[in-house]
């Protein structure tokens, strides 16, 4: 969803993405890009992340999710737009 150059989205990341520092990598990238949102592990082995910020920053964030940290192996990334008001615009945290 785009509103004044702002985008909010949610991603499901599959592959070797748990036990390799993926959530902490995502947190650092989000903070570097000035995004709000969160990241968490799912019981099925995937990682879920949601972020809100400028379209450019969200695009860079998605590229980082597709790359992952050094020890990860990202197999797929599914993306869905979400309403802006569903996310905290000021902080990013690990759930």
PDB file of N, CA and C in Angstrom:
ATOM      1  N   UNK A   1       0.851  -1.183   0.000  1.00  0.00           N
ATOM      2  CA  UNK A   1       0.000   0.000   0.000  1.00  0.00           C
ATOM      3  C   UNK A   1       0.886   1.232   0.000  1.00  0.00           C
ATOM      4  N   UNK A   2       0.652   2.137  -0.877  1.00  0.00           N
ATOM      5  CA  UNK A   2       1.462   3.341  -0.970  1.00  0.00           C
ATOM      6  C   UNK A   2       0.641   4.542  -0.533  1.00  0.00           C
ATOM      7  N   UNK A   3       1.265   5.379   0.274  1.00  0.00           N
ATOM      8  CA  UNK A   3       0.609   6.585   0.780  1.00  0.00           C
ATOM      9  C   UNK A   3       1.675   7.641   0.982  1.00  0.00           C
ATOM     10  N   UNK A   4       1.760   8.609   0.077  1.00  0.00           N
ATOM     11  CA  UNK A   4       2.760   9.655   0.208  1.00  0.00           C
ATOM     12  C   UNK A   4       4.181   9.145   0.171  1.00  0.00           C
ATOM     13  N   UNK A   5       4.470   8.137  -0.654  1.00  0.00           N
ATOM     14  CA  UNK A   5       5.816   7.601  -0.737  1.00  0.00           C
ATOM     15  C   UNK A   5       6.148   6.593   0.340  1.00  0.00           C
ATOM     16  N   UNK A   6       5.167   6.232   1.161  1.00  0.00           N
ATOM     17  CA  UNK A   6       5.376   5.251   2.224  1.00  0.00           C
ATOM     18  C   UNK A   6       4.801   3.914   1.798  1.00  0.00           C
ATOM     19  N   UNK A   7       5.517   2.859   2.154  1.00  0.00           N
ATOM     20  CA  UNK A   7       5.077   1.508   1.819  1.00  0.00           C
ATOM     21  C   UNK A   7       5.131   0.651   3.077  1.00  0.00           C
ATOM     22  N   UNK A   8       4.170  -0.253   3.203  1.00  0.00           N
ATOM     23  CA  UNK A   8       4.166  -1.228   4.297  1.00  0.00           C
ATOM     24  C   UNK A   8       3.961  -2.602   3.680  1.00  0.00           C
ATOM     25  N   UNK A   9       4.735  -3.575   4.136  1.00  0.00           N
ATOM     26  CA  UNK A   9       4.646  -4.915   3.570  1.00  0.00           C
ATOM     27  C   UNK A   9       5.024  -5.957   4.613  1.00  0.00           C
ATOM     28  N   UNK A  10       4.652  -7.194   4.293  1.00  0.00           N
ATOM     29  CA  UNK A  10       4.974  -8.352   5.136  1.00  0.00           C
ATOM     30  C   UNK A  10       5.623  -9.398   4.236  1.00  0.00           C
ATOM     31  N   UNK A  11       6.640 -10.073   4.760  1.00  0.00           N
ATOM     32  CA  UNK A  11       7.349 -11.100   4.003  1.00  0.00           C
ATOM     33  C   UNK A  11       7.409 -12.396   4.783  1.00  0.00           C
ATOM     34  N   UNK A  12       7.348 -13.508   4.067  1.00  0.00           N
ATOM     35  CA  UNK A  12       7.592 -14.834   4.619  1.00  0.00           C
ATOM     36  C   UNK A  12       8.839 -15.367   3.919  1.00  0.00           C
ATOM     37  N   UNK A  13       9.866 -15.668   4.709  1.00  0.00           N
ATOM     38  CA  UNK A  13      11.151 -16.072   4.162  1.00  0.00           C
ATOM     39  C   UNK A  13      11.383 -17.543   4.492  1.00  0.00           C
ATOM     40  N   UNK A  14      11.665 -18.338   3.454  1.00  0.00           N
ATOM     41  CA  UNK A  14      11.883 -19.773   3.613  1.00  0.00           C
ATOM     42  C   UNK A  14      13.321 -20.126   3.278  1.00  0.00           C
ATOM     43  N   UNK A  15      13.776 -21.233   3.840  1.00  0.00           N
ATOM     44  CA  UNK A  15      15.124 -21.734   3.606  1.00  0.00           C
ATOM     45  C   UNK A  15      15.796 -22.009   4.939  1.00  0.00           C
ATOM     46  N   UNK A  16      17.124 -21.937   4.957  1.00  0.00           N
ATOM     47  CA  UNK A  16      17.847 -22.061   6.230  1.00  0.00           C
ATOM     48  C   UNK A  16      17.909 -20.661   6.819  1.00  0.00           C
ATOM     49  N   UNK A  17      16.861 -20.301   7.558  1.00  0.00           N
ATOM     50  CA  UNK A  17      16.719 -18.933   8.064  1.00  0.00           C
ATOM     51  C   UNK A  17      16.507 -18.872   9.575  1.00  0.00           C
ATOM     52  N   UNK A  18      16.528 -20.023  10.245  1.00  0.00           N
ATOM     53  CA  UNK A  18      16.465 -20.024  11.701  1.00  0.00           C
ATOM     54  C   UNK A  18      17.754 -20.634  12.235  1.00  0.00           C
ATOM     55  N   UNK A  19      18.247 -20.089  13.349  1.00  0.00           N
ATOM     56  CA  UNK A  19      19.479 -20.584  13.950  1.00  0.00           C
ATOM     57  C   UNK A  19      20.737 -20.058  13.257  1.00  0.00           C
ATOM     58  N   UNK A  20      20.580 -19.039  12.414  1.00  0.00           N
ATOM     59  CA  UNK A  20      21.724 -18.485  11.682  1.00  0.00           C
ATOM     60  C   UNK A  20      21.837 -16.970  11.869  1.00  0.00           C
ATOM     61  N   UNK A  21      21.141 -16.415  12.856  1.00  0.00           N
ATOM     62  CA  UNK A  21      21.194 -14.976  13.114  1.00  0.00           C
ATOM     63  C   UNK A  21      20.340 -14.143  12.172  1.00  0.00           C
ATOM     64  N   UNK A  22      19.369 -14.782  11.529  1.00  0.00           N
ATOM     65  CA  UNK A  22      18.565 -14.070  10.527  1.00  0.00           C
ATOM     66  C   UNK A  22      17.766 -12.921  11.137  1.00  0.00           C
ATOM     67  N   UNK A  23      17.109 -13.150  12.274  1.00  0.00           N
ATOM     68  CA  UNK A  23      16.298 -12.088  12.877  1.00  0.00           C
ATOM     69  C   UNK A  23      17.143 -10.883  13.265  1.00  0.00           C
ATOM     70  N   UNK A  24      18.348 -11.127  13.770  1.00  0.00           N
ATOM     71  CA  UNK A  24      19.207 -10.031  14.207  1.00  0.00           C
ATOM     72  C   UNK A  24      19.760  -9.281  12.998  1.00  0.00           C
ATOM     73  N   UNK A  25      20.028 -10.004  11.915  1.00  0.00           N
ATOM     74  CA  UNK A  25      20.415  -9.374  10.649  1.00  0.00           C
ATOM     75  C   UNK A  25      19.289  -8.459  10.163  1.00  0.00           C
ATOM     76  N   UNK A  26      18.053  -8.953  10.217  1.00  0.00           N
ATOM     77  CA  UNK A  26      16.896  -8.175   9.776  1.00  0.00           C
ATOM     78  C   UNK A  26      16.727  -6.928  10.644  1.00  0.00           C
ATOM     79  N   UNK A  27      16.880  -7.088  11.946  1.00  0.00           N
ATOM     80  CA  UNK A  27      16.781  -5.949  12.867  1.00  0.00           C
ATOM     81  C   UNK A  27      17.813  -4.873  12.516  1.00  0.00           C
ATOM     82  N   UNK A  28      19.058  -5.271  12.303  1.00  0.00           N
ATOM     83  CA  UNK A  28      20.111  -4.299  11.956  1.00  0.00           C
ATOM     84  C   UNK A  28      19.800  -3.594  10.631  1.00  0.00           C
ATOM     85  N   UNK A  29      19.343  -4.339   9.634  1.00  0.00           N
ATOM     86  CA  UNK A  29      19.014  -3.733   8.343  1.00  0.00           C
ATOM     87  C   UNK A  29      17.860  -2.746   8.484  1.00  0.00           C
ATOM     88  N   UNK A  30      16.825  -3.125   9.233  1.00  0.00           N
ATOM     89  CA  UNK A  30      15.677  -2.234   9.426  1.00  0.00           C
ATOM     90  C   UNK A  30      16.089  -0.955  10.140  1.00  0.00           C
ATOM     91  N   UNK A  31      16.911  -1.088  11.173  1.00  0.00           N
ATOM     92  CA  UNK A  31      17.369   0.098  11.899  1.00  0.00           C
ATOM     93  C   UNK A  31      18.228   0.978  11.001  1.00  0.00           C
ATOM     94  N   UNK A  32      19.092   0.375  10.200  1.00  0.00           N
ATOM     95  CA  UNK A  32      19.950   1.132   9.280  1.00  0.00           C
ATOM     96  C   UNK A  32      19.118   1.929   8.281  1.00  0.00           C
ATOM     97  N   UNK A  33      17.985   1.337   7.851  1.00  0.00           N
ATOM     98  CA  UNK A  33      17.129   1.958   6.846  1.00  0.00           C
ATOM     99  C   UNK A  33      16.042   2.851   7.439  1.00  0.00           C
ATOM    100  N   UNK A  34      15.946   2.900   8.774  1.00  0.00           N
ATOM    101  CA  UNK A  34      14.954   3.746   9.433  1.00  0.00           C
ATOM    102  C   UNK A  34      13.526   3.232   9.311  1.00  0.00           C
ATOM    103  N   UNK A  35      13.369   1.903   9.290  1.00  0.00           N
ATOM    104  CA  UNK A  35      12.040   1.306   9.147  1.00  0.00           C
ATOM    105  C   UNK A  35      11.415   0.986  10.491  1.00  0.00           C
ATOM    106  N   UNK A  36      10.093   0.963  10.533  1.00  0.00           N
ATOM    107  CA  UNK A  36       9.350   0.454  11.671  1.00  0.00           C
ATOM    108  C   UNK A  36       8.852  -0.934  11.337  1.00  0.00           C
ATOM    109  N   UNK A  37       8.536  -1.723  12.355  1.00  0.00           N
ATOM    110  CA  UNK A  37       7.976  -3.054  12.112  1.00  0.00           C
ATOM    111  C   UNK A  37       8.524  -4.090  13.060  1.00  0.00           C
ATOM    112  N   UNK A  38       8.592  -5.332  12.580  1.00  0.00           N
ATOM    113  CA  UNK A  38       9.021  -6.442  13.429  1.00  0.00           C
ATOM    114  C   UNK A  38       9.468  -7.639  12.584  1.00  0.00           C
ATOM    115  N   UNK A  39      10.108  -8.604  13.282  1.00  0.00           N
ATOM    116  CA  UNK A  39      10.524  -9.866  12.669  1.00  0.00           C
ATOM    117  C   UNK A  39      10.355 -10.963  13.718  1.00  0.00           C
ATOM    118  N   UNK A  40       9.993 -12.167  13.263  1.00  0.00           N
ATOM    119  CA  UNK A  40       9.847 -13.286  14.198  1.00  0.00           C
ATOM    120  C   UNK A  40      10.052 -14.616  13.468  1.00  0.00           C
ATOM    121  N   UNK A  41      10.437 -15.631  14.256  1.00  0.00           N
ATOM    122  CA  UNK A  41      10.500 -16.992  13.751  1.00  0.00           C
ATOM    123  C   UNK A  41       9.103 -17.585  13.770  1.00  0.00           C
ATOM    124  N   UNK A  42       8.791 -18.436  12.795  1.00  0.00           N
ATOM    125  CA  UNK A  42       7.536 -19.180  12.774  1.00  0.00           C
ATOM    126  C   UNK A  42       7.815 -20.640  13.108  1.00  0.00           C
ATOM    127  N   UNK A  43       6.824 -21.335  13.642  1.00  0.00           N
ATOM    128  CA  UNK A  43       7.008 -22.730  14.056  1.00  0.00           C
ATOM    129  C   UNK A  43       7.297 -23.669  12.890  1.00  0.00           C
ATOM    130  N   UNK A  44       6.987 -23.252  11.664  1.00  0.00           N
ATOM    131  CA  UNK A  44       7.238 -24.109  10.498  1.00  0.00           C
ATOM    132  C   UNK A  44       8.634 -23.921   9.903  1.00  0.00           C
ATOM    133  N   UNK A  45       9.497 -23.139  10.582  1.00  0.00           N
ATOM    134  CA  UNK A  45      10.871 -22.959  10.130  1.00  0.00           C
ATOM    135  C   UNK A  45      11.103 -21.709   9.296  1.00  0.00           C
ATOM    136  N   UNK A  46      10.036 -21.002   8.943  1.00  0.00           N
ATOM    137  CA  UNK A  46      10.187 -19.761   8.187  1.00  0.00           C
ATOM    138  C   UNK A  46      10.392 -18.587   9.137  1.00  0.00           C
ATOM    139  N   UNK A  47      10.773 -17.457   8.570  1.00  0.00           N
ATOM    140  CA  UNK A  47      10.841 -16.190   9.300  1.00  0.00           C
ATOM    141  C   UNK A  47       9.817 -15.265   8.669  1.00  0.00           C
ATOM    142  N   UNK A  48       9.099 -14.533   9.507  1.00  0.00           N
ATOM    143  CA  UNK A  48       8.125 -13.547   9.046  1.00  0.00           C
ATOM    144  C   UNK A  48       8.624 -12.170   9.454  1.00  0.00           C
ATOM    145  N   UNK A  49       8.551 -11.220   8.536  1.00  0.00           N
ATOM    146  CA  UNK A  49       8.954  -9.842   8.826  1.00  0.00           C
ATOM    147  C   UNK A  49       7.909  -8.897   8.257  1.00  0.00           C
ATOM    148  N   UNK A  50       7.737  -7.762   8.914  1.00  0.00           N
ATOM    149  CA  UNK A  50       6.841  -6.719   8.430  1.00  0.00           C
ATOM    150  C   UNK A  50       7.539  -5.392   8.650  1.00  0.00           C
ATOM    151  N   UNK A  51       7.426  -4.497   7.679  1.00  0.00           N
ATOM    152  CA  UNK A  51       8.109  -3.207   7.792  1.00  0.00           C
ATOM    153  C   UNK A  51       7.311  -2.108   7.116  1.00  0.00           C
ATOM    154  N   UNK A  52       7.528  -0.884   7.599  1.00  0.00           N
ATOM    155  CA  UNK A  52       6.904   0.297   7.021  1.00  0.00           C
ATOM    156  C   UNK A  52       7.960   1.396   6.943  1.00  0.00           C
ATOM    157  N   UNK A  53       7.939   2.127   5.828  1.00  0.00           N
ATOM    158  CA  UNK A  53       8.881   3.216   5.635  1.00  0.00           C
ATOM    159  C   UNK A  53       8.800   3.719   4.207  1.00  0.00           C
ATOM    160  N   UNK A  54       9.818   4.445   3.801  1.00  0.00           N
ATOM    161  CA  UNK A  54       9.824   4.966   2.436  1.00  0.00           C
ATOM    162  C   UNK A  54       9.889   3.815   1.435  1.00  0.00           C
ATOM    163  N   UNK A  55       9.376   4.068   0.236  1.00  0.00           N
ATOM    164  CA  UNK A  55       9.401   3.033  -0.797  1.00  0.00           C
ATOM    165  C   UNK A  55      10.819   2.574  -1.085  1.00  0.00           C
ATOM    166  N   UNK A  56      11.758   3.507  -1.115  1.00  0.00           N
ATOM    167  CA  UNK A  56      13.156   3.159  -1.383  1.00  0.00           C
ATOM    168  C   UNK A  56      13.709   2.269  -0.273  1.00  0.00           C
ATOM    169  N   UNK A  57      13.481   2.652   0.988  1.00  0.00           N
ATOM    170  CA  UNK A  57      13.995   1.882   2.119  1.00  0.00           C
ATOM    171  C   UNK A  57      13.368   0.492   2.164  1.00  0.00           C
ATOM    172  N   UNK A  58      12.071   0.396   1.913  1.00  0.00           N
ATOM    173  CA  UNK A  58      11.404  -0.915   1.911  1.00  0.00           C
ATOM    174  C   UNK A  58      11.951  -1.785   0.786  1.00  0.00           C
ATOM    175  N   UNK A  59      12.246  -1.193  -0.355  1.00  0.00           N
ATOM    176  CA  UNK A  59      12.854  -1.945  -1.452  1.00  0.00           C
ATOM    177  C   UNK A  59      14.230  -2.475  -1.086  1.00  0.00           C
ATOM    178  N   UNK A  60      15.046  -1.648  -0.427  1.00  0.00           N
ATOM    179  CA  UNK A  60      16.372  -2.086   0.029  1.00  0.00           C
ATOM    180  C   UNK A  60      16.243  -3.169   1.088  1.00  0.00           C
ATOM    181  N   UNK A  61      15.250  -3.042   1.958  1.00  0.00           N
ATOM    182  CA  UNK A  61      15.004  -4.033   3.001  1.00  0.00           C
ATOM    183  C   UNK A  61      14.666  -5.382   2.371  1.00  0.00           C
ATOM    184  N   UNK A  62      13.793  -5.369   1.368  1.00  0.00           N
ATOM    185  CA  UNK A  62      13.427  -6.618   0.701  1.00  0.00           C
ATOM    186  C   UNK A  62      14.649  -7.265   0.047  1.00  0.00           C
ATOM    187  N   UNK A  63      15.508  -6.476  -0.557  1.00  0.00           N
ATOM    188  CA  UNK A  63      16.735  -7.017  -1.153  1.00  0.00           C
ATOM    189  C   UNK A  63      17.597  -7.680  -0.081  1.00  0.00           C
ATOM    190  N   UNK A  64      17.671  -7.073   1.108  1.00  0.00           N
ATOM    191  CA  UNK A  64      18.439  -7.655   2.212  1.00  0.00           C
ATOM    192  C   UNK A  64      17.810  -8.964   2.671  1.00  0.00           C
ATOM    193  N   UNK A  65      16.468  -9.024   2.728  1.00  0.00           N
ATOM    194  CA  UNK A  65      15.790 -10.271   3.109  1.00  0.00           C
ATOM    195  C   UNK A  65      16.116 -11.386   2.123  1.00  0.00           C
ATOM    196  N   UNK A  66      16.175 -11.062   0.853  1.00  0.00           N
ATOM    197  CA  UNK A  66      16.474 -12.061  -0.174  1.00  0.00           C
ATOM    198  C   UNK A  66      17.925 -12.535  -0.094  1.00  0.00           C
ATOM    199  N   UNK A  67      18.805 -11.681   0.418  1.00  0.00           N
ATOM    200  CA  UNK A  67      20.225 -12.012   0.559  1.00  0.00           C
ATOM    201  C   UNK A  67      20.476 -12.764   1.865  1.00  0.00           C
ATOM    202  N   UNK A  68      19.967 -12.227   2.976  1.00  0.00           N
ATOM    203  CA  UNK A  68      20.158 -12.832   4.289  1.00  0.00           C
ATOM    204  C   UNK A  68      21.580 -12.689   4.799  1.00  0.00           C
ATOM    205  N   UNK A  69      21.817 -13.115   6.038  1.00  0.00           N
ATOM    206  CA  UNK A  69      23.172 -13.088   6.596  1.00  0.00           C
ATOM    207  C   UNK A  69      24.019 -14.204   5.982  1.00  0.00           C
ATOM    208  N   UNK A  70      25.283 -14.168   6.243  1.00  0.00           N
ATOM    209  CA  UNK A  70      26.252 -15.090   5.639  1.00  0.00           C
ATOM    210  C   UNK A  70      25.890 -16.566   5.821  1.00  0.00           C
ATOM    211  N   UNK A  71      25.437 -16.970   6.985  1.00  0.00           N
ATOM    212  CA  UNK A  71      25.167 -18.384   7.266  1.00  0.00           C
ATOM    213  C   UNK A  71      23.789 -18.857   6.775  1.00  0.00           C
ATOM    214  N   UNK A  72      22.955 -17.944   6.347  1.00  0.00           N
ATOM    215  CA  UNK A  72      21.601 -18.305   5.899  1.00  0.00           C
ATOM    216  C   UNK A  72      21.625 -18.755   4.442  1.00  0.00           C
ATOM    217  N   UNK A  73      20.573 -19.455   4.077  1.00  0.00           N
ATOM    218  CA  UNK A  73      20.335 -19.808   2.672  1.00  0.00           C
ATOM    219  C   UNK A  73      18.850 -19.542   2.397  1.00  0.00           C
ATOM    220  N   UNK A  74      18.565 -18.411   1.754  1.00  0.00           N
ATOM    221  CA  UNK A  74      17.188 -18.025   1.467  1.00  0.00           C
ATOM    222  C   UNK A  74      16.738 -18.744   0.196  1.00  0.00           C
ATOM    223  N   UNK A  75      15.651 -19.520   0.319  1.00  0.00           N
ATOM    224  CA  UNK A  75      15.107 -20.238  -0.833  1.00  0.00           C
ATOM    225  C   UNK A  75      13.976 -19.467  -1.498  1.00  0.00           C
ATOM    226  N   UNK A  76      13.128 -18.820  -0.702  1.00  0.00           N
ATOM    227  CA  UNK A  76      12.035 -18.044  -1.284  1.00  0.00           C
ATOM    228  C   UNK A  76      11.603 -16.937  -0.336  1.00  0.00           C
ATOM    229  N   UNK A  77      11.049 -15.883  -0.938  1.00  0.00           N
ATOM    230  CA  UNK A  77      10.518 -14.750  -0.186  1.00  0.00           C
ATOM    231  C   UNK A  77       9.158 -14.417  -0.785  1.00  0.00           C
ATOM    232  N   UNK A  78       8.113 -14.519   0.039  1.00  0.00           N
ATOM    233  CA  UNK A  78       6.761 -14.158  -0.386  1.00  0.00           C
ATOM    234  C   UNK A  78       6.437 -12.798   0.229  1.00  0.00           C
ATOM    235  N   UNK A  79       5.874 -11.902  -0.579  1.00  0.00           N
ATOM    236  CA  UNK A  79       5.587 -10.539  -0.115  1.00  0.00           C
ATOM    237  C   UNK A  79       4.113 -10.225  -0.268  1.00  0.00           C
ATOM    238  N   UNK A  80       3.575  -9.502   0.706  1.00  0.00           N
ATOM    239  CA  UNK A  80       2.199  -9.005   0.637  1.00  0.00           C
ATOM    240  C   UNK A  80       2.177  -7.596   1.221  1.00  0.00           C
ATOM    241  N   UNK A  81       1.466  -6.694   0.574  1.00  0.00           N
ATOM    242  CA  UNK A  81       1.289  -5.356   1.124  1.00  0.00           C
ATOM    243  C   UNK A  81       0.348  -5.427   2.320  1.00  0.00           C
ATOM    244  N   UNK A  82       0.567  -4.551   3.297  1.00  0.00           N
ATOM    245  CA  UNK A  82      -0.287  -4.486   4.485  1.00  0.00           C
ATOM    246  C   UNK A  82      -0.659  -3.028   4.732  1.00  0.00           C
ATOM    247  N   UNK A  83      -1.725  -2.771   5.479  1.00  0.00           N
ATOM    248  CA  UNK A  83      -2.103  -1.390   5.798  1.00  0.00           C
ATOM    249  C   UNK A  83      -1.040  -0.713   6.660  1.00  0.00           C
ATOM    250  N   UNK A  84      -0.793   0.564   6.405  1.00  0.00           N
ATOM    251  CA  UNK A  84       0.210   1.307   7.166  1.00  0.00           C
ATOM    252  C   UNK A  84      -0.076   1.304   8.660  1.00  0.00           C
ATOM    253  N   UNK A  85      -1.339   1.413   9.023  1.00  0.00           N
ATOM    254  CA  UNK A  85      -1.680   1.509  10.442  1.00  0.00           C
ATOM    255  C   UNK A  85      -1.533   0.184  11.183  1.00  0.00           C
ATOM    256  N   UNK A  86      -1.195  -0.891  10.481  1.00  0.00           N
ATOM    257  CA  UNK A  86      -0.989  -2.189  11.124  1.00  0.00           C
ATOM    258  C   UNK A  86       0.401  -2.279  11.760  1.00  0.00           C
ATOM    259  N   UNK A  87       1.278  -1.318  11.474  1.00  0.00           N
ATOM    260  CA  UNK A  87       2.664  -1.383  11.951  1.00  0.00           C
ATOM    261  C   UNK A  87       3.055  -0.121  12.702  1.00  0.00           C
ATOM    262  N   UNK A  88       3.948  -0.307  13.672  1.00  0.00           N
ATOM    263  CA  UNK A  88       4.532   0.823  14.403  1.00  0.00           C
ATOM    264  C   UNK A  88       5.541   1.496  13.478  1.00  0.00           C
ATOM    265  N   UNK A  89       5.351   2.746  13.178  1.00  0.00           N
ATOM    266  CA  UNK A  89       6.222   3.468  12.254  1.00  0.00           C
ATOM    267  C   UNK A  89       7.553   3.887  12.879  1.00  0.00           C
ATOM    268  N   UNK A  90       7.645   3.865  14.208  1.00  0.00           N
ATOM    269  CA  UNK A  90       8.816   4.432  14.877  1.00  0.00           C
ATOM    270  C   UNK A  90       9.885   3.421  15.266  1.00  0.00           C
ATOM    271  N   UNK A  91       9.502   2.193  15.578  1.00  0.00           N
ATOM    272  CA  UNK A  91      10.490   1.228  16.068  1.00  0.00           C
ATOM    273  C   UNK A  91      10.392  -0.086  15.304  1.00  0.00           C
ATOM    274  N   UNK A  92      11.498  -0.828  15.307  1.00  0.00           N
ATOM    275  CA  UNK A  92      11.554  -2.145  14.727  1.00  0.00           C
ATOM    276  C   UNK A  92      12.032  -3.077  15.822  1.00  0.00           C
ATOM    277  N   UNK A  93      11.369  -4.223  15.977  1.00  0.00           N
ATOM    278  CA  UNK A  93      11.763  -5.117  17.064  1.00  0.00           C
ATOM    279  C   UNK A  93      11.644  -6.587  16.649  1.00  0.00           C
ATOM    280  N   UNK A  94      12.312  -7.430  17.440  1.00  0.00           N
ATOM    281  CA  UNK A  94      12.232  -8.880  17.284  1.00  0.00           C
ATOM    282  C   UNK A  94      11.143  -9.378  18.187  1.00  0.00           C
ATOM    283  N   UNK A  95      10.216 -10.155  17.628  1.00  0.00           N
ATOM    284  CA  UNK A  95       9.123 -10.715  18.431  1.00  0.00           C
ATOM    285  C   UNK A  95       9.539 -12.064  18.976  1.00  0.00           C
TER     286      UNK A  95
END
